[in-house]
Each structure stands twice: as structure tokens, then as C-alpha cells.
PDB file of N, CA and C in Angstrom:
ATOM      1  N   MET A   1     108.320  93.911 142.487  1.00  0.00           N
ATOM      2  CA  MET A   1     109.175  92.855 141.975  1.00  0.00           C
ATOM      3  C   MET A   1     108.630  92.317 140.658  1.00  0.00           C
ATOM      4  N   LEU A   2     107.314  92.090 140.596  1.00  0.00           N
ATOM      5  CA  LEU A   2     106.706  91.533 139.397  1.00  0.00           C
ATOM      6  C   LEU A   2     106.844  92.486 138.213  1.00  0.00           C
ATOM      7  N   LYS A   3     106.712  93.793 138.466  1.00  0.00           N
ATOM      8  CA  LYS A   3     106.861  94.764 137.383  1.00  0.00           C
ATOM      9  C   LYS A   3     108.270  94.756 136.820  1.00  0.00           C
ATOM     10  N   CYS A   4     109.256  94.567 137.673  1.00  0.00           N
ATOM     11  CA  CYS A   4     110.644  94.520 137.203  1.00  0.00           C
ATOM     12  C   CYS A   4     110.864  93.324 136.296  1.00  0.00           C
ATOM     13  N   VAL A   5     110.296  92.174 136.657  1.00  0.00           N
ATOM     14  CA  VAL A   5     110.440  90.969 135.838  1.00  0.00           C
ATOM     15  C   VAL A   5     109.731  91.162 134.507  1.00  0.00           C
ATOM     16  N   ASP A   6     108.538  91.737 134.542  1.00  0.00           N
ATOM     17  CA  ASP A   6     107.800  91.990 133.302  1.00  0.00           C
ATOM     18  C   ASP A   6     108.554  92.951 132.399  1.00  0.00           C
ATOM     19  N   ALA A   7     109.206  93.940 132.980  1.00  0.00           N
ATOM     20  CA  ALA A   7     109.965  94.899 132.181  1.00  0.00           C
ATOM     21  C   ALA A   7     111.161  94.230 131.524  1.00  0.00           C
ATOM     22  N   LEU A   8     111.764  93.281 132.212  1.00  0.00           N
ATOM     23  CA  LEU A   8     112.897  92.570 131.632  1.00  0.00           C
ATOM     24  C   LEU A   8     112.462  91.636 130.518  1.00  0.00           C
ATOM     25  N   VAL A   9     111.327  90.979 130.713  1.00  0.00           N
ATOM     26  CA  VAL A   9     110.838  90.029 129.714  1.00  0.00           C
ATOM     27  C   VAL A   9     110.256  90.761 128.524  1.00  0.00           C
ATOM     28  N   GLY A  10     109.664  91.897 128.739  1.00  0.00           N
ATOM     29  CA  GLY A  10     109.066  92.648 127.646  1.00  0.00           C
ATOM     30  C   GLY A  10     107.557  92.729 127.758  1.00  0.00           C
ATOM     31  N   ASN A  11     106.986  92.189 128.812  1.00  0.00           N
ATOM     32  CA  ASN A  11     105.536  92.230 129.008  1.00  0.00           C
ATOM     33  C   ASN A  11     105.173  93.435 129.856  1.00  0.00           C
ATOM     34  N   THR A  12     105.338  94.607 129.337  1.00  0.00           N
ATOM     35  CA  THR A  12     105.034  95.803 130.099  1.00  0.00           C
ATOM     36  C   THR A  12     103.550  96.091 130.028  1.00  0.00           C
ATOM     37  N   THR A  13     103.100  96.856 130.996  1.00  0.00           N
ATOM     38  CA  THR A  13     101.679  97.176 131.038  1.00  0.00           C
ATOM     39  C   THR A  13     101.377  98.523 130.398  1.00  0.00           C
ATOM     40  N   GLY A  14     102.382  99.180 129.834  1.00  0.00           N
ATOM     41  CA  GLY A  14     102.182 100.476 129.187  1.00  0.00           C
ATOM     42  C   GLY A  14     101.435 100.333 127.877  1.00  0.00           C
ATOM     43  N   ARG A  15     101.132 101.439 127.249  1.00  0.00           N
ATOM     44  CA  ARG A  15     100.369 101.422 126.007  1.00  0.00           C
ATOM     45  C   ARG A  15     101.167 100.829 124.854  1.00  0.00           C
ATOM     46  N   GLY A  16     102.441 101.113 124.787  1.00  0.00           N
ATOM     47  CA  GLY A  16     103.266 100.532 123.743  1.00  0.00           C
ATOM     48  C   GLY A  16     102.957 101.106 122.372  1.00  0.00           C
ATOM     49  N   LYS A  17     103.408 100.400 121.342  1.00  0.00           N
ATOM     50  CA  LYS A  17     103.239 100.861 119.969  1.00  0.00           C
ATOM     51  C   LYS A  17     102.245 100.019 119.194  1.00  0.00           C
ATOM     52  N   GLY A  18     101.653  99.038 119.831  1.00  0.00           N
ATOM     53  CA  GLY A  18     100.797  98.105 119.115  1.00  0.00           C
ATOM     54  C   GLY A  18      99.454  98.678 118.741  1.00  0.00           C
ATOM     55  N   LEU A  19      98.686  97.871 117.994  1.00  0.00           N
ATOM     56  CA  LEU A  19      97.363  98.293 117.542  1.00  0.00           C
ATOM     57  C   LEU A  19      96.257  97.713 118.413  1.00  0.00           C
ATOM     58  N   GLY A  20      96.560  96.733 119.235  1.00  0.00           N
ATOM     59  CA  GLY A  20      95.540  96.080 120.043  1.00  0.00           C
ATOM     60  C   GLY A  20      95.193  96.881 121.282  1.00  0.00           C
ATOM     61  N   LYS A  21      94.024  96.607 121.855  1.00  0.00           N
ATOM     62  CA  LYS A  21      93.537  97.219 123.095  1.00  0.00           C
ATOM     63  C   LYS A  21      93.525  98.737 123.031  1.00  0.00           C
ATOM     64  N   GLY A  22      92.994  99.296 122.002  1.00  0.00           N
ATOM     65  CA  GLY A  22      92.923 100.740 121.865  1.00  0.00           C
ATOM     66  C   GLY A  22      94.261 101.305 121.439  1.00  0.00           C
ATOM     67  N   SER A  23      94.402 101.564 120.178  1.00  0.00           N
ATOM     68  CA  SER A  23      95.713 101.920 119.629  1.00  0.00           C
ATOM     69  C   SER A  23      96.186 103.275 120.144  1.00  0.00           C
ATOM     70  N   SER A  24      97.502 103.448 120.135  1.00  0.00           N
ATOM     71  CA  SER A  24      98.078 104.725 120.518  1.00  0.00           C
ATOM     72  C   SER A  24      97.846 105.729 119.389  1.00  0.00           C
ATOM     73  N   LYS A  25      98.087 106.992 119.665  1.00  0.00           N
ATOM     74  CA  LYS A  25      97.721 108.025 118.700  1.00  0.00           C
ATOM     75  C   LYS A  25      98.603 108.024 117.457  1.00  0.00           C
ATOM     76  N   ARG A  26      99.873 107.622 117.591  1.00  0.00           N
ATOM     77  CA  ARG A  26     100.764 107.654 116.437  1.00  0.00           C
ATOM     78  C   ARG A  26     100.570 106.464 115.518  1.00  0.00           C
ATOM     79  N   HIS A  27     100.049 105.382 116.038  1.00  0.00           N
ATOM     80  CA  HIS A  27      99.943 104.156 115.263  1.00  0.00           C
ATOM     81  C   HIS A  27      98.475 103.768 115.124  1.00  0.00           C
ATOM     82  N   ARG A  28      97.769 104.533 114.356  1.00  0.00           N
ATOM     83  CA  ARG A  28      96.344 104.252 114.169  1.00  0.00           C
ATOM     84  C   ARG A  28      96.144 103.192 113.105  1.00  0.00           C
ATOM     85  N   ARG A  29      95.102 102.399 113.280  1.00  0.00           N
ATOM     86  CA  ARG A  29      94.751 101.387 112.293  1.00  0.00           C
ATOM     87  C   ARG A  29      94.090 102.088 111.109  1.00  0.00           C
ATOM     88  N   VAL A  30      94.579 101.838 109.922  1.00  0.00           N
ATOM     89  CA  VAL A  30      94.059 102.472 108.720  1.00  0.00           C
ATOM     90  C   VAL A  30      92.952 101.589 108.163  1.00  0.00           C
ATOM     91  N   LEU A  31      91.765 102.159 108.013  1.00  0.00           N
ATOM     92  CA  LEU A  31      90.647 101.400 107.474  1.00  0.00           C
ATOM     93  C   LEU A  31      90.648 101.513 105.959  1.00  0.00           C
ATOM     94  N   ARG A  32      90.730 100.372 105.298  1.00  0.00           N
ATOM     95  CA  ARG A  32      90.703 100.330 103.839  1.00  0.00           C
ATOM     96  C   ARG A  32      89.614  99.369 103.411  1.00  0.00           C
ATOM     97  N   GLU A  33      89.260  99.461 102.148  1.00  0.00           N
ATOM     98  CA  GLU A  33      88.339  98.471 101.615  1.00  0.00           C
ATOM     99  C   GLU A  33      89.068  97.151 101.483  1.00  0.00           C
ATOM    100  N   THR A  34      88.360  96.062 101.721  1.00  0.00           N
ATOM    101  CA  THR A  34      89.004  94.753 101.660  1.00  0.00           C
ATOM    102  C   THR A  34      89.414  94.396 100.242  1.00  0.00           C
ATOM    103  N   ILE A  35      88.795  94.987  99.251  1.00  0.00           N
ATOM    104  CA  ILE A  35      89.144  94.683  97.862  1.00  0.00           C
ATOM    105  C   ILE A  35      90.559  95.166  97.556  1.00  0.00           C
ATOM    106  N   GLN A  36      91.066  96.133  98.319  1.00  0.00           N
ATOM    107  CA  GLN A  36      92.437  96.598  98.123  1.00  0.00           C
ATOM    108  C   GLN A  36      93.456  95.568  98.595  1.00  0.00           C
ATOM    109  N   GLY A  37      92.987  94.528  99.291  1.00  0.00           N
ATOM    110  CA  GLY A  37      93.865  93.436  99.707  1.00  0.00           C
ATOM    111  C   GLY A  37      94.351  92.605  98.540  1.00  0.00           C
ATOM    112  N   ILE A  38      93.677  92.721  97.399  1.00  0.00           N
ATOM    113  CA  ILE A  38      94.129  92.036  96.189  1.00  0.00           C
ATOM    114  C   ILE A  38      95.172  92.943  95.549  1.00  0.00           C
ATOM    115  N   SER A  39      96.413  92.543  95.660  1.00  0.00           N
ATOM    116  CA  SER A  39      97.525  93.410  95.275  1.00  0.00           C
ATOM    117  C   SER A  39      97.717  93.439  93.763  1.00  0.00           C
ATOM    118  N   LYS A  40      98.501  94.413  93.332  1.00  0.00           N
ATOM    119  CA  LYS A  40      98.851  94.504  91.914  1.00  0.00           C
ATOM    120  C   LYS A  40      99.590  93.255  91.478  1.00  0.00           C
ATOM    121  N   ARG A  41     100.430  92.762  92.367  1.00  0.00           N
ATOM    122  CA  ARG A  41     101.217  91.577  92.036  1.00  0.00           C
ATOM    123  C   ARG A  41     100.325  90.364  91.791  1.00  0.00           C
ATOM    124  N   SER A  42      99.302  90.173  92.624  1.00  0.00           N
ATOM    125  CA  SER A  42      98.419  89.023  92.432  1.00  0.00           C
ATOM    126  C   SER A  42      97.585  89.168  91.159  1.00  0.00           C
ATOM    127  N   ILE A  43      97.168  90.397  90.839  1.00  0.00           N
ATOM    128  CA  ILE A  43      96.438  90.625  89.589  1.00  0.00           C
ATOM    129  C   ILE A  43      97.349  90.351  88.400  1.00  0.00           C
ATOM    130  N   ARG A  44      98.594  90.788  88.504  1.00  0.00           N
ATOM    131  CA  ARG A  44      99.554  90.537  87.429  1.00  0.00           C
ATOM    132  C   ARG A  44      99.799  89.038  87.255  1.00  0.00           C
ATOM    133  N   ARG A  45      99.867  88.292  88.364  1.00  0.00           N
ATOM    134  CA  ARG A  45     100.057  86.844  88.288  1.00  0.00           C
ATOM    135  C   ARG A  45      98.895  86.170  87.580  1.00  0.00           C
ATOM    136  N   LEU A  46      97.668  86.600  87.911  1.00  0.00           N
ATOM    137  CA  LEU A  46      96.489  86.059  87.227  1.00  0.00           C
ATOM    138  C   LEU A  46      96.534  86.368  85.735  1.00  0.00           C
ATOM    139  N   ALA A  47      96.938  87.584  85.398  1.00  0.00           N
ATOM    140  CA  ALA A  47      97.013  87.972  83.990  1.00  0.00           C
ATOM    141  C   ALA A  47      98.071  87.169  83.248  1.00  0.00           C
ATOM    142  N   ARG A  48      99.191  86.899  83.903  1.00  0.00           N
ATOM    143  CA  ARG A  48     100.237  86.087  83.275  1.00  0.00           C
ATOM    144  C   ARG A  48      99.736  84.676  82.991  1.00  0.00           C
ATOM    145  N   CYS A  49      98.960  84.116  83.915  1.00  0.00           N
ATOM    146  CA  CYS A  49      98.388  82.777  83.688  1.00  0.00           C
ATOM    147  C   CYS A  49      97.444  82.788  82.493  1.00  0.00           C
ATOM    148  N   ALA A  50      96.789  83.930  82.264  1.00  0.00           N
ATOM    149  CA  ALA A  50      95.868  84.046  81.137  1.00  0.00           C
ATOM    150  C   ALA A  50      96.581  84.409  79.841  1.00  0.00           C
ATOM    151  N   GLY A  51      97.891  84.708  79.903  1.00  0.00           N
ATOM    152  CA  GLY A  51      98.653  85.001  78.702  1.00  0.00           C
ATOM    153  C   GLY A  51      98.850  86.468  78.409  1.00  0.00           C
ATOM    154  N   VAL A  52      98.496  87.346  79.338  1.00  0.00           N
ATOM    155  CA  VAL A  52      98.652  88.787  79.140  1.00  0.00           C
ATOM    156  C   VAL A  52     100.109  89.164  79.390  1.00  0.00           C
ATOM    157  N   ILE A  53     100.668  89.995  78.511  1.00  0.00           N
ATOM    158  CA  ILE A  53     102.077  90.371  78.629  1.00  0.00           C
ATOM    159  C   ILE A  53     102.237  91.702  79.359  1.00  0.00           C
ATOM    160  N   ARG A  54     101.469  92.706  78.960  1.00  0.00           N
ATOM    161  CA  ARG A  54     101.564  94.023  79.595  1.00  0.00           C
ATOM    162  C   ARG A  54     100.210  94.447  80.120  1.00  0.00           C
ATOM    163  N   ILE A  55     100.231  95.178  81.245  1.00  0.00           N
ATOM    164  CA  ILE A  55      98.995  95.645  81.865  1.00  0.00           C
ATOM    165  C   ILE A  55      99.119  97.142  82.111  1.00  0.00           C
ATOM    166  N   SER A  56      98.118  97.900  81.703  1.00  0.00           N
ATOM    167  CA  SER A  56      98.093  99.331  81.970  1.00  0.00           C
ATOM    168  C   SER A  56      97.823  99.563  83.457  1.00  0.00           C
ATOM    169  N   GLY A  57      98.317 100.666  83.969  1.00  0.00           N
ATOM    170  CA  GLY A  57      98.135 100.976  85.380  1.00  0.00           C
ATOM    171  C   GLY A  57      96.692 101.248  85.758  1.00  0.00           C
ATOM    172  N   LEU A  58      95.883 101.658  84.785  1.00  0.00           N
ATOM    173  CA  LEU A  58      94.483 101.975  85.064  1.00  0.00           C
ATOM    174  C   LEU A  58      93.603 100.733  85.157  1.00  0.00           C
ATOM    175  N   VAL A  59      94.129  99.604  84.748  1.00  0.00           N
ATOM    176  CA  VAL A  59      93.324  98.386  84.661  1.00  0.00           C
ATOM    177  C   VAL A  59      93.105  97.747  86.027  1.00  0.00           C
ATOM    178  N   TYR A  60      94.026  97.969  86.962  1.00  0.00           N
ATOM    179  CA  TYR A  60      93.969  97.262  88.237  1.00  0.00           C
ATOM    180  C   TYR A  60      92.677  97.534  88.994  1.00  0.00           C
ATOM    181  N   GLU A  61      92.234  98.785  89.028  1.00  0.00           N
ATOM    182  CA  GLU A  61      90.988  99.116  89.726  1.00  0.00           C
ATOM    183  C   GLU A  61      89.781  98.490  89.035  1.00  0.00           C
ATOM    184  N   LYS A  62      89.797  98.458  87.699  1.00  0.00           N
ATOM    185  CA  LYS A  62      88.694  97.826  86.960  1.00  0.00           C
ATOM    186  C   LYS A  62      88.635  96.339  87.265  1.00  0.00           C
ATOM    187  N   ILE A  63      89.809  95.698  87.301  1.00  0.00           N
ATOM    188  CA  ILE A  63      89.853  94.261  87.594  1.00  0.00           C
ATOM    189  C   ILE A  63      89.338  94.000  89.000  1.00  0.00           C
ATOM    190  N   ARG A  64      89.712  94.861  89.953  1.00  0.00           N
ATOM    191  CA  ARG A  64      89.221  94.693  91.326  1.00  0.00           C
ATOM    192  C   ARG A  64      87.702  94.826  91.383  1.00  0.00           C
ATOM    193  N   ALA A  65      87.143  95.772  90.616  1.00  0.00           N
ATOM    194  CA  ALA A  65      85.689  95.959  90.608  1.00  0.00           C
ATOM    195  C   ALA A  65      84.986  94.742  90.018  1.00  0.00           C
ATOM    196  N   VAL A  66      85.511  94.221  88.904  1.00  0.00           N
ATOM    197  CA  VAL A  66      84.910  93.038  88.275  1.00  0.00           C
ATOM    198  C   VAL A  66      85.020  91.834  89.199  1.00  0.00           C
ATOM    199  N   LEU A  67      86.169  91.693  89.852  1.00  0.00           N
ATOM    200  CA  LEU A  67      86.388  90.572  90.764  1.00  0.00           C
ATOM    201  C   LEU A  67      85.450  90.643  91.962  1.00  0.00           C
ATOM    202  N   LYS A  68      85.192  91.861  92.448  1.00  0.00           N
ATOM    203  CA  LYS A  68      84.283  92.033  93.581  1.00  0.00           C
ATOM    204  C   LYS A  68      82.872  91.591  93.220  1.00  0.00           C
ATOM    205  N   VAL A  69      82.420  91.947  92.022  1.00  0.00           N
ATOM    206  CA  VAL A  69      81.085  91.542  91.572  1.00  0.00           C
ATOM    207  C   VAL A  69      81.017  90.034  91.389  1.00  0.00           C
ATOM    208  N   PHE A  70      82.059  89.457  90.771  1.00  0.00           N
ATOM    209  CA  PHE A  70      82.081  88.019  90.511  1.00  0.00           C
ATOM    210  C   PHE A  70      82.074  87.214  91.806  1.00  0.00           C
ATOM    211  N   VAL A  71      82.944  87.574  92.735  1.00  0.00           N
ATOM    212  CA  VAL A  71      83.023  86.836  93.999  1.00  0.00           C
ATOM    213  C   VAL A  71      81.753  87.042  94.817  1.00  0.00           C
ATOM    214  N   GLY A  72      81.187  88.244  94.760  1.00  0.00           N
ATOM    215  CA  GLY A  72      79.941  88.497  95.482  1.00  0.00           C
ATOM    216  C   GLY A  72      78.804  87.625  94.995  1.00  0.00           C
ATOM    217  N   SER A  73      78.648  87.509  93.685  1.00  0.00           N
ATOM    218  CA  SER A  73      77.575  86.665  93.154  1.00  0.00           C
ATOM    219  C   SER A  73      77.864  85.188  93.404  1.00  0.00           C
ATOM    220  N   LEU A  74      79.141  84.795  93.374  1.00  0.00           N
ATOM    221  CA  LEU A  74      79.503  83.405  93.646  1.00  0.00           C
ATOM    222  C   LEU A  74      79.188  83.035  95.092  1.00  0.00           C
ATOM    223  N   VAL A  75      79.526  83.899  96.021  1.00  0.00           N
ATOM    224  CA  VAL A  75      79.242  83.634  97.434  1.00  0.00           C
ATOM    225  C   VAL A  75      77.740  83.623  97.679  1.00  0.00           C
ATOM    226  N   LEU A  76      77.007  84.495  97.010  1.00  0.00           N
ATOM    227  CA  LEU A  76      75.552  84.519  97.167  1.00  0.00           C
ATOM    228  C   LEU A  76      74.922  83.219  96.679  1.00  0.00           C
ATOM    229  N   ASP A  77      75.381  82.713  95.528  1.00  0.00           N
ATOM    230  CA  ASP A  77      74.865  81.442  95.017  1.00  0.00           C
ATOM    231  C   ASP A  77      75.248  80.282  95.931  1.00  0.00           C
ATOM    232  N   ALA A  78      76.491  80.277  96.418  1.00  0.00           N
ATOM    233  CA  ALA A  78      76.924  79.211  97.326  1.00  0.00           C
ATOM    234  C   ALA A  78      76.118  79.261  98.619  1.00  0.00           C
ATOM    235  N   TYR A  79      75.821  80.454  99.100  1.00  0.00           N
ATOM    236  CA  TYR A  79      74.999  80.608 100.299  1.00  0.00           C
ATOM    237  C   TYR A  79      73.584  80.082 100.061  1.00  0.00           C
ATOM    238  N   MET A  80      73.067  80.311  98.856  1.00  0.00           N
ATOM    239  CA  MET A  80      71.737  79.808  98.521  1.00  0.00           C
ATOM    240  C   MET A  80      71.703  78.283  98.592  1.00  0.00           C
ATOM    241  N   TYR A  81      72.731  77.626  98.032  1.00  0.00           N
ATOM    242  CA  TYR A  81      72.802  76.168  98.091  1.00  0.00           C
ATOM    243  C   TYR A  81      72.926  75.682  99.534  1.00  0.00           C
ATOM    244  N   THR A  82      73.642  76.417 100.352  1.00  0.00           N
ATOM    245  CA  THR A  82      73.788  76.044 101.761  1.00  0.00           C
ATOM    246  C   THR A  82      72.452  76.153 102.483  1.00  0.00           C
ATOM    247  N   GLN A  83      71.707  77.201 102.208  1.00  0.00           N
ATOM    248  CA  GLN A  83      70.404  77.373 102.845  1.00  0.00           C
ATOM    249  C   GLN A  83      69.420  76.295 102.412  1.00  0.00           C
ATOM    250  N   LEU A  84      69.459  75.912 101.139  1.00  0.00           N
ATOM    251  CA  LEU A  84      68.558  74.870 100.652  1.00  0.00           C
ATOM    252  C   LEU A  84      68.853  73.520 101.298  1.00  0.00           C
ATOM    253  N   ALA A  85      70.114  73.293 101.671  1.00  0.00           N
ATOM    254  CA  ALA A  85      70.496  72.031 102.309  1.00  0.00           C
ATOM    255  C   ALA A  85      70.351  72.099 103.829  1.00  0.00           C
ATOM    256  N   HIS A  86      69.849  73.205 104.356  1.00  0.00           N
ATOM    257  CA  HIS A  86      69.658  73.409 105.797  1.00  0.00           C
ATOM    258  C   HIS A  86      70.967  73.236 106.561  1.00  0.00           C
ATOM    259  N   ARG A  87      72.019  73.851 106.046  1.00  0.00           N
ATOM    260  CA  ARG A  87      73.316  73.826 106.710  1.00  0.00           C
ATOM    261  C   ARG A  87      73.731  75.243 107.056  1.00  0.00           C
ATOM    262  N   LYS A  88      74.726  75.354 107.939  1.00  0.00           N
ATOM    263  CA  LYS A  88      75.207  76.676 108.337  1.00  0.00           C
ATOM    264  C   LYS A  88      76.559  77.012 107.734  1.00  0.00           C
ATOM    265  N   ALA A  89      77.269  76.014 107.228  1.00  0.00           N
ATOM    266  CA  ALA A  89      78.606  76.235 106.673  1.00  0.00           C
ATOM    267  C   ALA A  89      78.601  75.968 105.171  1.00  0.00           C
ATOM    268  N   ILE A  90      79.245  76.837 104.425  1.00  0.00           N
ATOM    269  CA  ILE A  90      79.378  76.650 102.981  1.00  0.00           C
ATOM    270  C   ILE A  90      80.459  75.611 102.732  1.00  0.00           C
ATOM    271  N   THR A  91      80.145  74.602 101.930  1.00  0.00           N
ATOM    272  CA  THR A  91      81.101  73.542 101.629  1.00  0.00           C
ATOM    273  C   THR A  91      81.688  73.743 100.236  1.00  0.00           C
ATOM    274  N   THR A  92      82.678  72.910  99.938  1.00  0.00           N
ATOM    275  CA  THR A  92      83.300  72.959  98.614  1.00  0.00           C
ATOM    276  C   THR A  92      82.285  72.638  97.534  1.00  0.00           C
ATOM    277  N   ARG A  93      81.428  71.691  97.825  1.00  0.00           N
ATOM    278  CA  ARG A  93      80.408  71.288  96.856  1.00  0.00           C
ATOM    279  C   ARG A  93      79.469  72.448  96.523  1.00  0.00           C
ATOM    280  N   ASP A  94      79.130  73.276  97.519  1.00  0.00           N
ATOM    281  CA  ASP A  94      78.271  74.441  97.276  1.00  0.00           C
ATOM    282  C   ASP A  94      78.939  75.426  96.313  1.00  0.00           C
ATOM    283  N   VAL A  95      80.232  75.642  96.500  1.00  0.00           N
ATOM    284  CA  VAL A  95      80.965  76.559  95.623  1.00  0.00           C
ATOM    285  C   VAL A  95      81.038  75.994  94.212  1.00  0.00           C
ATOM    286  N   ILE A  96      81.244  74.676  94.097  1.00  0.00           N
ATOM    287  CA  ILE A  96      81.310  74.043  92.775  1.00  0.00           C
ATOM    288  C   ILE A  96      79.980  74.176  92.053  1.00  0.00           C
ATOM    289  N   HIS A  97      78.880  73.933  92.764  1.00  0.00           N
ATOM    290  CA  HIS A  97      77.555  74.072  92.143  1.00  0.00           C
ATOM    291  C   HIS A  97      77.276  75.526  91.754  1.00  0.00           C
ATOM    292  N   ALA A  98      77.714  76.468  92.583  1.00  0.00           N
ATOM    293  CA  ALA A  98      77.527  77.883  92.256  1.00  0.00           C
ATOM    294  C   ALA A  98      78.323  78.257  91.006  1.00  0.00           C
ATOM    295  N   LEU A  99      79.547  77.717  90.891  1.00  0.00           N
ATOM    296  CA  LEU A  99      80.347  77.975  89.690  1.00  0.00           C
ATOM    297  C   LEU A  99      79.693  77.382  88.452  1.00  0.00           C
ATOM    298  N   LYS A 100      79.157  76.162  88.579  1.00  0.00           N
ATOM    299  CA  LYS A 100      78.480  75.535  87.441  1.00  0.00           C
ATOM    300  C   LYS A 100      77.266  76.347  87.030  1.00  0.00           C
ATOM    301  N   ARG A 101      76.551  76.888  88.008  1.00  0.00           N
ATOM    302  CA  ARG A 101      75.364  77.687  87.714  1.00  0.00           C
ATOM    303  C   ARG A 101      75.736  78.947  86.935  1.00  0.00           C
ATOM    304  N   GLN A 102      76.910  79.512  87.225  1.00  0.00           N
ATOM    305  CA  GLN A 102      77.362  80.712  86.530  1.00  0.00           C
ATOM    306  C   GLN A 102      78.084  80.400  85.226  1.00  0.00           C
ATOM    307  N   GLY A 103      78.248  79.129  84.923  1.00  0.00           N
ATOM    308  CA  GLY A 103      78.881  78.758  83.662  1.00  0.00           C
ATOM    309  C   GLY A 103      80.369  78.508  83.760  1.00  0.00           C
ATOM    310  N   GLY A 104      80.913  78.457  84.945  1.00  0.00           N
ATOM    311  CA  GLY A 104      82.341  78.200  85.125  1.00  0.00           C
ATOM    312  C   GLY A 104      82.581  76.750  85.504  1.00  0.00           C
ATOM    313  N   ILE A 105      83.800  76.299  85.305  1.00  0.00           N
ATOM    314  CA  ILE A 105      84.169  74.926  85.636  1.00  0.00           C
ATOM    315  C   ILE A 105      85.407  74.978  86.517  1.00  0.00           C
ATOM    316  N   LEU A 106      85.399  74.201  87.585  1.00  0.00           N
ATOM    317  CA  LEU A 106      86.556  74.092  88.457  1.00  0.00           C
ATOM    318  C   LEU A 106      87.059  72.667  88.375  1.00  0.00           C
ATOM    319  N   TYR A 107      88.215  72.487  87.768  1.00  0.00           N
ATOM    320  CA  TYR A 107      88.757  71.151  87.575  1.00  0.00           C
ATOM    321  C   TYR A 107      89.381  70.640  88.867  1.00  0.00           C
ATOM    322  N   GLY A 108      89.302  69.325  89.054  1.00  0.00           N
ATOM    323  CA  GLY A 108      89.913  68.707  90.219  1.00  0.00           C
ATOM    324  C   GLY A 108      88.942  68.443  91.347  1.00  0.00           C
ATOM    325  N   PHE A 109      87.719  68.924  91.228  1.00  0.00           N
ATOM    326  CA  PHE A 109      86.700  68.679  92.234  1.00  0.00           C
ATOM    327  C   PHE A 109      85.495  68.070  91.542  1.00  0.00           C
ATOM    328  N   GLU A 110      85.343  66.785  91.635  1.00  0.00           N
ATOM    329  CA  GLU A 110      84.182  66.081  91.079  1.00  0.00           C
ATOM    330  C   GLU A 110      84.076  66.249  89.593  1.00  0.00           C
TER     331      GLU A 110
END
């Protein structure tokens, strides 16, 4: 009886098509680098804010590489400030100090 109700509601116990609990063979999770999560559209939006009109197709990978280095060093500096303050969580203030250390300014925060 319970299986019939579950089948009507949609809570079946079969493998299904989802990715959770050990994916089925047709629907495998594709492992990509997280830097690919920064889409062409978001890079184009950043470039438009900076005043760029046209972007070559080869530039996107270079921008992703530069962004990866920049964010990596920023997180490392923010982590250093967190460790010096004997805290476990990175705060906004840590990121602001890390940006100042690298020569950047973030307006609207202190």
C-alpha cells in the first residue's frame, strides 16, 4: 500500500534520473574546474563596467587565469588576517585589509 502511495506522489525508491545517492549511468556528474563557473557573460559584464567595447574569444581563458591568481592571493591574505586575530571565520574587515595590502580599494566599507 505504501509503495502505491509513493508512486502516486512521486517518491519512488528506484534509481531515477537524479545525480544524488550514486548517479545513474546515463546522467553522470561532469567534473569541471571551478574557474569555469565564471561565465563569458559575467566576464563581458565586468569588461563593460571597465569601458571595454569588444572582447576577443581568446581573452576569456586569460581573464579566468588572472582572476584565479588574484582571488587566490586575496583569500590567502584574508586568511592570514583571520589567523592573526585568532578567529576561524573570515570577516568583511579581513577582506578589506587584504585588498588594502594589495593596493586595491573597496568603497562602501569603512
